[in-house]
PDB file of N, CA and C in Angstrom:
ATOM      1  N   MET A   1      70.194-246.028 138.213  1.00  0.00           N
ATOM      2  CA  MET A   1      71.082-244.884 138.391  1.00  0.00           C
ATOM      3  C   MET A   1      71.353-244.255 137.034  1.00  0.00           C
ATOM      4  N   PRO A   2      71.107-242.965 136.881  1.00  0.00           N
ATOM      5  CA  PRO A   2      71.324-242.319 135.587  1.00  0.00           C
ATOM      6  C   PRO A   2      72.806-242.310 135.211  1.00  0.00           C
ATOM      7  N   ASP A   3      73.087-242.498 133.925  1.00  0.00           N
ATOM      8  CA  ASP A   3      74.476-242.410 133.488  1.00  0.00           C
ATOM      9  C   ASP A   3      74.848-240.944 133.286  1.00  0.00           C
ATOM     10  N   THR A   4      76.084-240.686 132.850  1.00  0.00           N
ATOM     11  CA  THR A   4      76.581-239.314 132.729  1.00  0.00           C
ATOM     12  C   THR A   4      75.713-238.472 131.799  1.00  0.00           C
ATOM     13  N   LEU A   5      75.307-239.041 130.664  1.00  0.00           N
ATOM     14  CA  LEU A   5      74.463-238.283 129.743  1.00  0.00           C
ATOM     15  C   LEU A   5      73.132-237.939 130.397  1.00  0.00           C
ATOM     16  N   ASP A   6      72.524-238.884 131.082  1.00  0.00           N
ATOM     17  CA  ASP A   6      71.270-238.608 131.767  1.00  0.00           C
ATOM     18  C   ASP A   6      71.465-237.522 132.822  1.00  0.00           C
ATOM     19  N   ARG A   7      72.537-237.610 133.571  1.00  0.00           N
ATOM     20  CA  ARG A   7      72.793-236.607 134.609  1.00  0.00           C
ATOM     21  C   ARG A   7      72.972-235.218 133.996  1.00  0.00           C
ATOM     22  N   ASP A   8      73.685-235.149 132.883  1.00  0.00           N
ATOM     23  CA  ASP A   8      73.852-233.859 132.215  1.00  0.00           C
ATOM     24  C   ASP A   8      72.509-233.301 131.761  1.00  0.00           C
ATOM     25  N   GLN A   9      71.659-234.166 131.215  1.00  0.00           N
ATOM     26  CA  GLN A   9      70.341-233.720 130.747  1.00  0.00           C
ATOM     27  C   GLN A   9      69.461-233.313 131.919  1.00  0.00           C
ATOM     28  N   ILE A  10      69.470-234.112 132.979  1.00  0.00           N
ATOM     29  CA  ILE A  10      68.683-233.787 134.169  1.00  0.00           C
ATOM     30  C   ILE A  10      69.128-232.445 134.732  1.00  0.00           C
ATOM     31  N   HIS A  11      70.431-232.242 134.808  1.00  0.00           N
ATOM     32  CA  HIS A  11      70.968-230.984 135.335  1.00  0.00           C
ATOM     33  C   HIS A  11      70.540-229.805 134.470  1.00  0.00           C
ATOM     34  N   ALA A  12      70.637-229.964 133.160  1.00  0.00           N
ATOM     35  CA  ALA A  12      70.249-228.890 132.243  1.00  0.00           C
ATOM     36  C   ALA A  12      68.749-228.587 132.352  1.00  0.00           C
ATOM     37  N   ASP A  13      67.932-229.630 132.402  1.00  0.00           N
ATOM     38  CA  ASP A  13      66.490-229.451 132.522  1.00  0.00           C
ATOM     39  C   ASP A  13      66.130-228.772 133.843  1.00  0.00           C
ATOM     40  N   PHE A  14      66.814-229.160 134.907  1.00  0.00           N
ATOM     41  CA  PHE A  14      66.583-228.576 136.231  1.00  0.00           C
ATOM     42  C   PHE A  14      66.929-227.090 136.214  1.00  0.00           C
ATOM     43  N   LYS A  15      68.069-226.754 135.636  1.00  0.00           N
ATOM     44  CA  LYS A  15      68.501-225.348 135.586  1.00  0.00           C
ATOM     45  C   LYS A  15      67.497-224.505 134.801  1.00  0.00           C
ATOM     46  N   GLN A  16      66.844-225.113 133.813  1.00  0.00           N
ATOM     47  CA  GLN A  16      65.849-224.388 133.027  1.00  0.00           C
ATOM     48  C   GLN A  16      64.532-224.252 133.798  1.00  0.00           C
ATOM     49  N   ALA A  17      64.137-225.293 134.511  1.00  0.00           N
ATOM     50  CA  ALA A  17      62.865-225.281 135.237  1.00  0.00           C
ATOM     51  C   ALA A  17      62.919-224.420 136.492  1.00  0.00           C
ATOM     52  N   VAL A  18      64.033-224.453 137.193  1.00  0.00           N
ATOM     53  CA  VAL A  18      64.182-223.704 138.447  1.00  0.00           C
ATOM     54  C   VAL A  18      64.787-222.342 138.113  1.00  0.00           C
ATOM     55  N   ASN A  19      63.952-221.311 138.168  1.00  0.00           N
ATOM     56  CA  ASN A  19      64.422-219.977 137.792  1.00  0.00           C
ATOM     57  C   ASN A  19      64.608-219.060 138.995  1.00  0.00           C
ATOM     58  N   MET A  20      64.560-219.630 140.191  1.00  0.00           N
ATOM     59  CA  MET A  20      64.796-218.848 141.410  1.00  0.00           C
ATOM     60  C   MET A  20      66.174-219.213 141.958  1.00  0.00           C
ATOM     61  N   THR A  21      66.835-218.240 142.549  1.00  0.00           N
ATOM     62  CA  THR A  21      68.112-218.513 143.202  1.00  0.00           C
ATOM     63  C   THR A  21      67.838-219.178 144.549  1.00  0.00           C
ATOM     64  N   ALA A  22      68.875-219.733 145.138  1.00  0.00           N
ATOM     65  CA  ALA A  22      68.737-220.341 146.462  1.00  0.00           C
ATOM     66  C   ALA A  22      68.238-219.301 147.467  1.00  0.00           C
ATOM     67  N   GLY A  23      68.765-218.097 147.398  1.00  0.00           N
ATOM     68  CA  GLY A  23      68.344-217.032 148.309  1.00  0.00           C
ATOM     69  C   GLY A  23      66.893-216.630 148.122  1.00  0.00           C
ATOM     70  N   GLU A  24      66.468-216.487 146.857  1.00  0.00           N
ATOM     71  CA  GLU A  24      65.079-216.129 146.574  1.00  0.00           C
ATOM     72  C   GLU A  24      64.130-217.217 147.085  1.00  0.00           C
ATOM     73  N   LEU A  25      64.487-218.466 146.814  1.00  0.00           N
ATOM     74  CA  LEU A  25      63.632-219.569 147.226  1.00  0.00           C
ATOM     75  C   LEU A  25      63.589-219.701 148.746  1.00  0.00           C
ATOM     76  N   ASP A  26      64.716-219.575 149.387  1.00  0.00           N
ATOM     77  CA  ASP A  26      64.772-219.659 150.841  1.00  0.00           C
ATOM     78  C   ASP A  26      63.898-218.568 151.481  1.00  0.00           C
ATOM     79  N   LYS A  27      63.985-217.358 150.942  1.00  0.00           N
ATOM     80  CA  LYS A  27      63.176-216.243 151.450  1.00  0.00           C
ATOM     81  C   LYS A  27      61.682-216.528 151.219  1.00  0.00           C
ATOM     82  N   TRP A  28      61.333-217.043 150.043  1.00  0.00           N
ATOM     83  CA  TRP A  28      59.942-217.372 149.728  1.00  0.00           C
ATOM     84  C   TRP A  28      59.406-218.442 150.681  1.00  0.00           C
ATOM     85  N   LEU A  29      60.201-219.466 150.953  1.00  0.00           N
ATOM     86  CA  LEU A  29      59.757-220.573 151.795  1.00  0.00           C
ATOM     87  C   LEU A  29      59.424-220.125 153.224  1.00  0.00           C
ATOM     88  N   ALA A  30      59.920-218.971 153.621  1.00  0.00           N
ATOM     89  CA  ALA A  30      59.654-218.443 154.970  1.00  0.00           C
ATOM     90  C   ALA A  30      58.337-217.682 155.048  1.00  0.00           C
ATOM     91  N   THR A  31      57.673-217.465 153.915  1.00  0.00           N
ATOM     92  CA  THR A  31      56.438-216.675 153.910  1.00  0.00           C
ATOM     93  C   THR A  31      55.219-217.522 154.278  1.00  0.00           C
ATOM     94  N   PRO A  32      54.191-216.878 154.823  1.00  0.00           N
ATOM     95  CA  PRO A  32      52.949-217.597 155.121  1.00  0.00           C
ATOM     96  C   PRO A  32      52.304-218.175 153.855  1.00  0.00           C
ATOM     97  N   GLU A  33      52.403-217.451 152.733  1.00  0.00           N
ATOM     98  CA  GLU A  33      51.814-217.917 151.473  1.00  0.00           C
ATOM     99  C   GLU A  33      52.430-219.238 151.038  1.00  0.00           C
ATOM    100  N   SER A  34      53.731-219.349 151.209  1.00  0.00           N
ATOM    101  CA  SER A  34      54.425-220.580 150.835  1.00  0.00           C
ATOM    102  C   SER A  34      53.949-221.757 151.682  1.00  0.00           C
ATOM    103  N   LYS A  35      53.751-221.497 152.948  1.00  0.00           N
ATOM    104  CA  LYS A  35      53.378-222.565 153.878  1.00  0.00           C
ATOM    105  C   LYS A  35      51.909-222.971 153.771  1.00  0.00           C
ATOM    106  N   GLU A  36      51.081-222.111 153.150  1.00  0.00           N
ATOM    107  CA  GLU A  36      49.643-222.373 153.054  1.00  0.00           C
ATOM    108  C   GLU A  36      49.262-223.290 151.899  1.00  0.00           C
ATOM    109  N   VAL A  37      50.114-223.376 150.874  1.00  0.00           N
ATOM    110  CA  VAL A  37      49.743-224.158 149.688  1.00  0.00           C
ATOM    111  C   VAL A  37      50.406-225.525 149.692  1.00  0.00           C
ATOM    112  N   GLY A  38      49.820-226.407 148.922  1.00  0.00           N
ATOM    113  CA  GLY A  38      50.422-227.716 148.724  1.00  0.00           C
ATOM    114  C   GLY A  38      49.665-228.840 149.395  1.00  0.00           C
ATOM    115  N   TRP A  39      49.984-230.036 148.976  1.00  0.00           N
ATOM    116  CA  TRP A  39      49.325-231.253 149.460  1.00  0.00           C
ATOM    117  C   TRP A  39      49.855-231.623 150.830  1.00  0.00           C
ATOM    118  N   LYS A  40      48.924-231.810 151.762  1.00  0.00           N
ATOM    119  CA  LYS A  40      49.294-232.120 153.147  1.00  0.00           C
ATOM    120  C   LYS A  40      48.548-233.354 153.645  1.00  0.00           C
ATOM    121  N   GLY A  41      48.439-234.358 152.823  1.00  0.00           N
ATOM    122  CA  GLY A  41      47.788-235.586 153.255  1.00  0.00           C
ATOM    123  C   GLY A  41      46.515-235.878 152.491  1.00  0.00           C
ATOM    124  N   GLU A  42      46.014-237.076 152.673  1.00  0.00           N
ATOM    125  CA  GLU A  42      44.825-237.551 151.959  1.00  0.00           C
ATOM    126  C   GLU A  42      43.624-236.630 152.106  1.00  0.00           C
ATOM    127  N   ASP A  43      43.423-236.096 153.299  1.00  0.00           N
ATOM    128  CA  ASP A  43      42.260-235.246 153.529  1.00  0.00           C
ATOM    129  C   ASP A  43      42.534-233.765 153.228  1.00  0.00           C
ATOM    130  N   GLY A  44      43.760-233.456 152.840  1.00  0.00           N
ATOM    131  CA  GLY A  44      44.117-232.071 152.547  1.00  0.00           C
ATOM    132  C   GLY A  44      44.281-231.212 153.777  1.00  0.00           C
ATOM    133  N   GLN A  45      44.060-231.783 154.929  1.00  0.00           N
ATOM    134  CA  GLN A  45      44.140-231.034 156.178  1.00  0.00           C
ATOM    135  C   GLN A  45      45.305-231.497 157.046  1.00  0.00           C
ATOM    136  N   GLY A  46      46.185-232.284 156.475  1.00  0.00           N
ATOM    137  CA  GLY A  46      47.295-232.839 157.239  1.00  0.00           C
ATOM    138  C   GLY A  46      48.101-231.769 157.948  1.00  0.00           C
ATOM    139  N   ALA A  47      48.562-232.115 159.093  1.00  0.00           N
ATOM    140  CA  ALA A  47      49.388-231.187 159.859  1.00  0.00           C
ATOM    141  C   ALA A  47      50.802-231.200 159.297  1.00  0.00           C
ATOM    142  N   GLY A  48      51.483-230.116 159.460  1.00  0.00           N
ATOM    143  CA  GLY A  48      52.884-230.074 159.074  1.00  0.00           C
ATOM    144  C   GLY A  48      53.128-229.501 157.692  1.00  0.00           C
ATOM    145  N   GLU A  49      54.248-229.873 157.179  1.00  0.00           N
ATOM    146  CA  GLU A  49      54.774-229.293 155.948  1.00  0.00           C
ATOM    147  C   GLU A  49      54.210-229.983 154.707  1.00  0.00           C
ATOM    148  N   SER A  50      53.890-229.193 153.682  1.00  0.00           N
ATOM    149  CA  SER A  50      53.400-229.750 152.424  1.00  0.00           C
ATOM    150  C   SER A  50      54.558-230.380 151.648  1.00  0.00           C
ATOM    151  N   ILE A  51      54.205-231.214 150.707  1.00  0.00           N
ATOM    152  CA  ILE A  51      55.191-231.863 149.840  1.00  0.00           C
ATOM    153  C   ILE A  51      56.018-230.805 149.099  1.00  0.00           C
ATOM    154  N   GLY A  52      55.347-229.780 148.551  1.00  0.00           N
ATOM    155  CA  GLY A  52      56.047-228.739 147.799  1.00  0.00           C
ATOM    156  C   GLY A  52      56.990-227.916 148.656  1.00  0.00           C
ATOM    157  N   HIS A  53      56.570-227.628 149.889  1.00  0.00           N
ATOM    158  CA  HIS A  53      57.421-226.845 150.778  1.00  0.00           C
ATOM    159  C   HIS A  53      58.681-227.636 151.118  1.00  0.00           C
ATOM    160  N   LYS A  54      58.498-228.914 151.406  1.00  0.00           N
ATOM    161  CA  LYS A  54      59.643-229.777 151.686  1.00  0.00           C
ATOM    162  C   LYS A  54      60.553-229.879 150.456  1.00  0.00           C
ATOM    163  N   SER A  55      59.947-229.971 149.292  1.00  0.00           N
ATOM    164  CA  SER A  55      60.710-230.012 148.048  1.00  0.00           C
ATOM    165  C   SER A  55      61.555-228.754 147.892  1.00  0.00           C
ATOM    166  N   GLY A  56      60.960-227.606 148.204  1.00  0.00           N
ATOM    167  CA  GLY A  56      61.687-226.342 148.092  1.00  0.00           C
ATOM    168  C   GLY A  56      62.954-226.328 148.928  1.00  0.00           C
ATOM    169  N   LYS A  57      62.885-226.906 150.121  1.00  0.00           N
ATOM    170  CA  LYS A  57      64.080-226.975 150.979  1.00  0.00           C
ATOM    171  C   LYS A  57      65.161-227.835 150.333  1.00  0.00           C
ATOM    172  N   HIS A  58      64.751-228.946 149.714  1.00  0.00           N
ATOM    173  CA  HIS A  58      65.723-229.801 149.030  1.00  0.00           C
ATOM    174  C   HIS A  58      66.321-229.066 147.827  1.00  0.00           C
ATOM    175  N   ILE A  59      65.491-228.301 147.126  1.00  0.00           N
ATOM    176  CA  ILE A  59      65.986-227.522 145.981  1.00  0.00           C
ATOM    177  C   ILE A  59      67.025-226.505 146.445  1.00  0.00           C
ATOM    178  N   VAL A  60      66.776-225.835 147.552  1.00  0.00           N
ATOM    179  CA  VAL A  60      67.754-224.880 148.091  1.00  0.00           C
ATOM    180  C   VAL A  60      69.082-225.605 148.343  1.00  0.00           C
ATOM    181  N   ASP A  61      69.015-226.775 148.947  1.00  0.00           N
ATOM    182  CA  ASP A  61      70.238-227.553 149.191  1.00  0.00           C
ATOM    183  C   ASP A  61      70.955-227.881 147.892  1.00  0.00           C
ATOM    184  N   ILE A  62      70.193-228.300 146.886  1.00  0.00           N
ATOM    185  CA  ILE A  62      70.774-228.637 145.581  1.00  0.00           C
ATOM    186  C   ILE A  62      71.450-227.410 144.976  1.00  0.00           C
ATOM    187  N   LEU A  63      70.784-226.276 145.033  1.00  0.00           N
ATOM    188  CA  LEU A  63      71.334-225.049 144.438  1.00  0.00           C
ATOM    189  C   LEU A  63      72.624-224.593 145.119  1.00  0.00           C
ATOM    190  N   HIS A  64      72.818-224.986 146.351  1.00  0.00           N
ATOM    191  CA  HIS A  64      74.043-224.626 147.068  1.00  0.00           C
ATOM    192  C   HIS A  64      75.211-225.569 146.746  1.00  0.00           C
ATOM    193  N   LYS A  65      74.922-226.690 146.117  1.00  0.00           N
ATOM    194  CA  LYS A  65      75.973-227.666 145.832  1.00  0.00           C
ATOM    195  C   LYS A  65      76.614-227.423 144.470  1.00  0.00           C
ATOM    196  N   LYS A  66      77.854-227.849 144.353  1.00  0.00           N
ATOM    197  CA  LYS A  66      78.521-227.894 143.055  1.00  0.00           C
ATOM    198  C   LYS A  66      77.990-229.123 142.328  1.00  0.00           C
ATOM    199  N   LYS A  67      77.967-229.074 141.021  1.00  0.00           N
ATOM    200  CA  LYS A  67      77.454-230.195 140.227  1.00  0.00           C
ATOM    201  C   LYS A  67      78.150-231.503 140.606  1.00  0.00           C
ATOM    202  N   ALA A  68      79.439-231.456 140.829  1.00  0.00           N
ATOM    203  CA  ALA A  68      80.205-232.664 141.161  1.00  0.00           C
ATOM    204  C   ALA A  68      79.799-233.256 142.509  1.00  0.00           C
ATOM    205  N   ASP A  69      79.170-232.455 143.362  1.00  0.00           N
ATOM    206  CA  ASP A  69      78.790-232.917 144.692  1.00  0.00           C
ATOM    207  C   ASP A  69      77.352-233.437 144.777  1.00  0.00           C
ATOM    208  N   LEU A  70      76.618-233.368 143.664  1.00  0.00           N
ATOM    209  CA  LEU A  70      75.241-233.852 143.665  1.00  0.00           C
ATOM    210  C   LEU A  70      75.237-235.373 143.741  1.00  0.00           C
ATOM    211  N   ASP A  71      74.342-235.921 144.561  1.00  0.00           N
ATOM    212  CA  ASP A  71      74.265-237.381 144.698  1.00  0.00           C
ATOM    213  C   ASP A  71      73.014-237.916 144.000  1.00  0.00           C
ATOM    214  N   GLU A  72      72.841-239.224 144.074  1.00  0.00           N
ATOM    215  CA  GLU A  72      71.726-239.874 143.396  1.00  0.00           C
ATOM    216  C   GLU A  72      70.369-239.322 143.845  1.00  0.00           C
ATOM    217  N   ALA A  73      70.213-239.097 145.151  1.00  0.00           N
ATOM    218  CA  ALA A  73      68.954-238.545 145.667  1.00  0.00           C
ATOM    219  C   ALA A  73      68.696-237.147 145.103  1.00  0.00           C
ATOM    220  N   ASP A  74      69.751-236.364 144.931  1.00  0.00           N
ATOM    221  CA  ASP A  74      69.601-235.030 144.344  1.00  0.00           C
ATOM    222  C   ASP A  74      69.110-235.130 142.902  1.00  0.00           C
ATOM    223  N   TYR A  75      69.724-236.026 142.128  1.00  0.00           N
ATOM    224  CA  TYR A  75      69.309-236.184 140.727  1.00  0.00           C
ATOM    225  C   TYR A  75      67.877-236.692 140.626  1.00  0.00           C
ATOM    226  N   GLU A  76      67.481-237.596 141.500  1.00  0.00           N
ATOM    227  CA  GLU A  76      66.097-238.074 141.504  1.00  0.00           C
ATOM    228  C   GLU A  76      65.146-236.928 141.823  1.00  0.00           C
ATOM    229  N   HIS A  77      65.523-236.098 142.782  1.00  0.00           N
ATOM    230  CA  HIS A  77      64.655-234.968 143.127  1.00  0.00           C
ATOM    231  C   HIS A  77      64.628-233.952 141.985  1.00  0.00           C
ATOM    232  N   MET A  78      65.743-233.726 141.349  1.00  0.00           N
ATOM    233  CA  MET A  78      65.793-232.795 140.227  1.00  0.00           C
ATOM    234  C   MET A  78      64.848-233.249 139.115  1.00  0.00           C
ATOM    235  N   ARG A  79      64.814-234.552 138.836  1.00  0.00           N
ATOM    236  CA  ARG A  79      63.886-235.096 137.826  1.00  0.00           C
ATOM    237  C   ARG A  79      62.443-234.842 138.247  1.00  0.00           C
ATOM    238  N   LYS A  80      62.156-235.052 139.515  1.00  0.00           N
ATOM    239  CA  LYS A  80      60.815-234.839 140.043  1.00  0.00           C
ATOM    240  C   LYS A  80      60.408-233.372 139.897  1.00  0.00           C
ATOM    241  N   VAL A  81      61.327-232.470 140.204  1.00  0.00           N
ATOM    242  CA  VAL A  81      61.066-231.032 140.103  1.00  0.00           C
ATOM    243  C   VAL A  81      60.750-230.647 138.662  1.00  0.00           C
ATOM    244  N   VAL A  82      61.548-231.121 137.729  1.00  0.00           N
ATOM    245  CA  VAL A  82      61.333-230.802 136.312  1.00  0.00           C
ATOM    246  C   VAL A  82      59.948-231.272 135.873  1.00  0.00           C
ATOM    247  N   GLY A  83      59.591-232.485 136.231  1.00  0.00           N
ATOM    248  CA  GLY A  83      58.279-233.016 135.863  1.00  0.00           C
ATOM    249  C   GLY A  83      57.147-232.197 136.466  1.00  0.00           C
ATOM    250  N   TYR A  84      57.286-231.842 137.741  1.00  0.00           N
ATOM    251  CA  TYR A  84      56.258-231.058 138.417  1.00  0.00           C
ATOM    252  C   TYR A  84      56.092-229.704 137.743  1.00  0.00           C
ATOM    253  N   VAL A  85      57.191-229.005 137.518  1.00  0.00           N
ATOM    254  CA  VAL A  85      57.120-227.663 136.914  1.00  0.00           C
ATOM    255  C   VAL A  85      56.466-227.743 135.540  1.00  0.00           C
ATOM    256  N   HIS A  86      56.853-228.711 134.721  1.00  0.00           N
ATOM    257  CA  HIS A  86      56.268-228.830 133.373  1.00  0.00           C
ATOM    258  C   HIS A  86      54.769-229.124 133.444  1.00  0.00           C
ATOM    259  N   ARG A  87      54.362-230.043 134.313  1.00  0.00           N
ATOM    260  CA  ARG A  87      52.930-230.369 134.440  1.00  0.00           C
ATOM    261  C   ARG A  87      52.141-229.171 134.965  1.00  0.00           C
ATOM    262  N   HIS A  88      52.679-228.509 135.960  1.00  0.00           N
ATOM    263  CA  HIS A  88      51.969-227.394 136.590  1.00  0.00           C
ATOM    264  C   HIS A  88      51.857-226.197 135.636  1.00  0.00           C
ATOM    265  N   MET A  89      52.890-225.944 134.858  1.00  0.00           N
ATOM    266  CA  MET A  89      52.843-224.833 133.904  1.00  0.00           C
ATOM    267  C   MET A  89      51.748-225.055 132.861  1.00  0.00           C
ATOM    268  N   ALA A  90      51.463-226.296 132.543  1.00  0.00           N
ATOM    269  CA  ALA A  90      50.424-226.620 131.567  1.00  0.00           C
ATOM    270  C   ALA A  90      49.022-226.361 132.117  1.00  0.00           C
ATOM    271  N   GLN A  91      48.907-226.123 133.421  1.00  0.00           N
ATOM    272  CA  GLN A  91      47.612-225.895 134.064  1.00  0.00           C
ATOM    273  C   GLN A  91      47.420-224.436 134.460  1.00  0.00           C
ATOM    274  N   LYS A  92      48.068-223.538 133.759  1.00  0.00           N
ATOM    275  CA  LYS A  92      48.031-222.112 134.102  1.00  0.00           C
ATOM    276  C   LYS A  92      46.601-221.583 134.139  1.00  0.00           C
ATOM    277  N   PRO A  93      46.210-220.968 135.248  1.00  0.00           N
ATOM    278  CA  PRO A  93      44.849-220.425 135.359  1.00  0.00           C
ATOM    279  C   PRO A  93      44.706-219.097 134.603  1.00  0.00           C
ATOM    280  N   ALA A  94      43.484-218.657 134.458  1.00  0.00           N
ATOM    281  CA  ALA A  94      43.210-217.399 133.752  1.00  0.00           C
ATOM    282  C   ALA A  94      43.852-216.202 134.452  1.00  0.00           C
ATOM    283  N   HIS A  95      43.894-216.232 135.774  1.00  0.00           N
ATOM    284  CA  HIS A  95      44.465-215.128 136.556  1.00  0.00           C
ATOM    285  C   HIS A  95      45.536-215.686 137.490  1.00  0.00           C
ATOM    286  N   PRO A  96      46.761-215.861 136.975  1.00  0.00           N
ATOM    287  CA  PRO A  96      47.795-216.537 137.750  1.00  0.00           C
ATOM    288  C   PRO A  96      48.446-215.710 138.865  1.00  0.00           C
ATOM    289  N   GLU A  97      48.373-214.390 138.781  1.00  0.00           N
ATOM    290  CA  GLU A  97      49.050-213.545 139.762  1.00  0.00           C
ATOM    291  C   GLU A  97      48.513-213.809 141.169  1.00  0.00           C
ATOM    292  N   ASP A  98      49.424-213.987 142.099  1.00  0.00           N
ATOM    293  CA  ASP A  98      49.065-214.190 143.502  1.00  0.00           C
ATOM    294  C   ASP A  98      48.057-215.326 143.699  1.00  0.00           C
ATOM    295  N   SER A  99      48.160-216.364 142.876  1.00  0.00           N
ATOM    296  CA  SER A  99      47.251-217.503 142.981  1.00  0.00           C
ATOM    297  C   SER A  99      47.949-218.659 143.698  1.00  0.00           C
ATOM    298  N   ARG A 100      47.145-219.602 144.154  1.00  0.00           N
ATOM    299  CA  ARG A 100      47.706-220.807 144.767  1.00  0.00           C
ATOM    300  C   ARG A 100      48.576-221.544 143.745  1.00  0.00           C
ATOM    301  N   TRP A 101      48.211-221.472 142.476  1.00  0.00           N
ATOM    302  CA  TRP A 101      48.982-222.082 141.396  1.00  0.00           C
ATOM    303  C   TRP A 101      50.390-221.485 141.370  1.00  0.00           C
ATOM    304  N   ALA A 102      50.482-220.162 141.400  1.00  0.00           N
ATOM    305  CA  ALA A 102      51.788-219.491 141.366  1.00  0.00           C
ATOM    306  C   ALA A 102      52.580-219.780 142.636  1.00  0.00           C
ATOM    307  N   TYR A 103      51.903-219.770 143.777  1.00  0.00           N
ATOM    308  CA  TYR A 103      52.584-220.035 145.043  1.00  0.00           C
ATOM    309  C   TYR A 103      53.144-221.453 145.079  1.00  0.00           C
ATOM    310  N   SER A 104      52.375-222.397 144.568  1.00  0.00           N
ATOM    311  CA  SER A 104      52.834-223.782 144.546  1.00  0.00           C
ATOM    312  C   SER A 104      54.061-223.927 143.646  1.00  0.00           C
ATOM    313  N   LEU A 105      54.016-223.310 142.486  1.00  0.00           N
ATOM    314  CA  LEU A 105      55.176-223.350 141.586  1.00  0.00           C
ATOM    315  C   LEU A 105      56.410-222.752 142.247  1.00  0.00           C
ATOM    316  N   LYS A 106      56.233-221.676 142.952  1.00  0.00           N
ATOM    317  CA  LYS A 106      57.371-221.043 143.626  1.00  0.00           C
ATOM    318  C   LYS A 106      57.958-221.968 144.685  1.00  0.00           C
ATOM    319  N   ASN A 107      57.115-222.745 145.361  1.00  0.00           N
ATOM    320  CA  ASN A 107      57.643-223.716 146.322  1.00  0.00           C
ATOM    321  C   ASN A 107      58.564-224.725 145.633  1.00  0.00           C
ATOM    322  N   TRP A 108      58.322-224.965 144.363  1.00  0.00           N
ATOM    323  CA  TRP A 108      59.133-225.911 143.589  1.00  0.00           C
ATOM    324  C   TRP A 108      60.254-225.191 142.814  1.00  0.00           C
ATOM    325  N   GLY A 109      60.512-223.927 143.145  1.00  0.00           N
ATOM    326  CA  GLY A 109      61.649-223.205 142.578  1.00  0.00           C
ATOM    327  C   GLY A 109      61.418-222.476 141.295  1.00  0.00           C
ATOM    328  N   HIS A 110      60.156-222.411 140.848  1.00  0.00           N
ATOM    329  CA  HIS A 110      59.853-221.720 139.589  1.00  0.00           C
ATOM    330  C   HIS A 110      58.910-220.565 139.861  1.00  0.00           C
ATOM    331  N   ASP A 111      59.374-219.354 139.595  1.00  0.00           N
ATOM    332  CA  ASP A 111      58.538-218.160 139.735  1.00  0.00           C
ATOM    333  C   ASP A 111      57.946-217.830 138.370  1.00  0.00           C
ATOM    334  N   PRO A 112      56.635-218.085 138.170  1.00  0.00           N
ATOM    335  CA  PRO A 112      56.054-217.867 136.853  1.00  0.00           C
ATOM    336  C   PRO A 112      55.988-216.387 136.448  1.00  0.00           C
ATOM    337  N   ALA A 113      56.180-215.489 137.388  1.00  0.00           N
ATOM    338  CA  ALA A 113      56.164-214.054 137.080  1.00  0.00           C
ATOM    339  C   ALA A 113      57.504-213.556 136.537  1.00  0.00           C
ATOM    340  N   LYS A 114      58.548-214.364 136.693  1.00  0.00           N
ATOM    341  CA  LYS A 114      59.880-213.965 136.208  1.00  0.00           C
ATOM    342  C   LYS A 114      59.932-214.058 134.699  1.00  0.00           C
ATOM    343  N   LYS A 115      60.516-213.072 134.096  1.00  0.00           N
ATOM    344  CA  LYS A 115      60.686-213.066 132.636  1.00  0.00           C
ATOM    345  C   LYS A 115      62.042-213.669 132.285  1.00  0.00           C
ATOM    346  N   GLY A 116      62.034-214.429 131.194  1.00  0.00           N
ATOM    347  CA  GLY A 116      63.288-214.993 130.702  1.00  0.00           C
ATOM    348  C   GLY A 116      63.755-216.120 131.422  1.00  0.00           C
TER     349      GLY A 116
END
């Protein structure tokens, strides 16, 4: 279980990695593009929701909570989100606009087209 300093750092890192509001992310998650990307099982053809899409729903929940109301599962997911965003940003393709790379990042709460 992270101590207070770890939680503060995780929260700060999460706020930096997730640059979409709860409303923006919720709206994005409803699009066909959002639902088409992401890992859906060993064969890539798994039925149902991708890991990233499910993550996006948890991120929306986190963004709606006050910091004091975040629980251990939220902090664990926030750490996972930060790691994913950092790793994925390092794999930026030559033409990122409207790419599966950008769509996947958006499922995790980071819009690479946003400035600042």
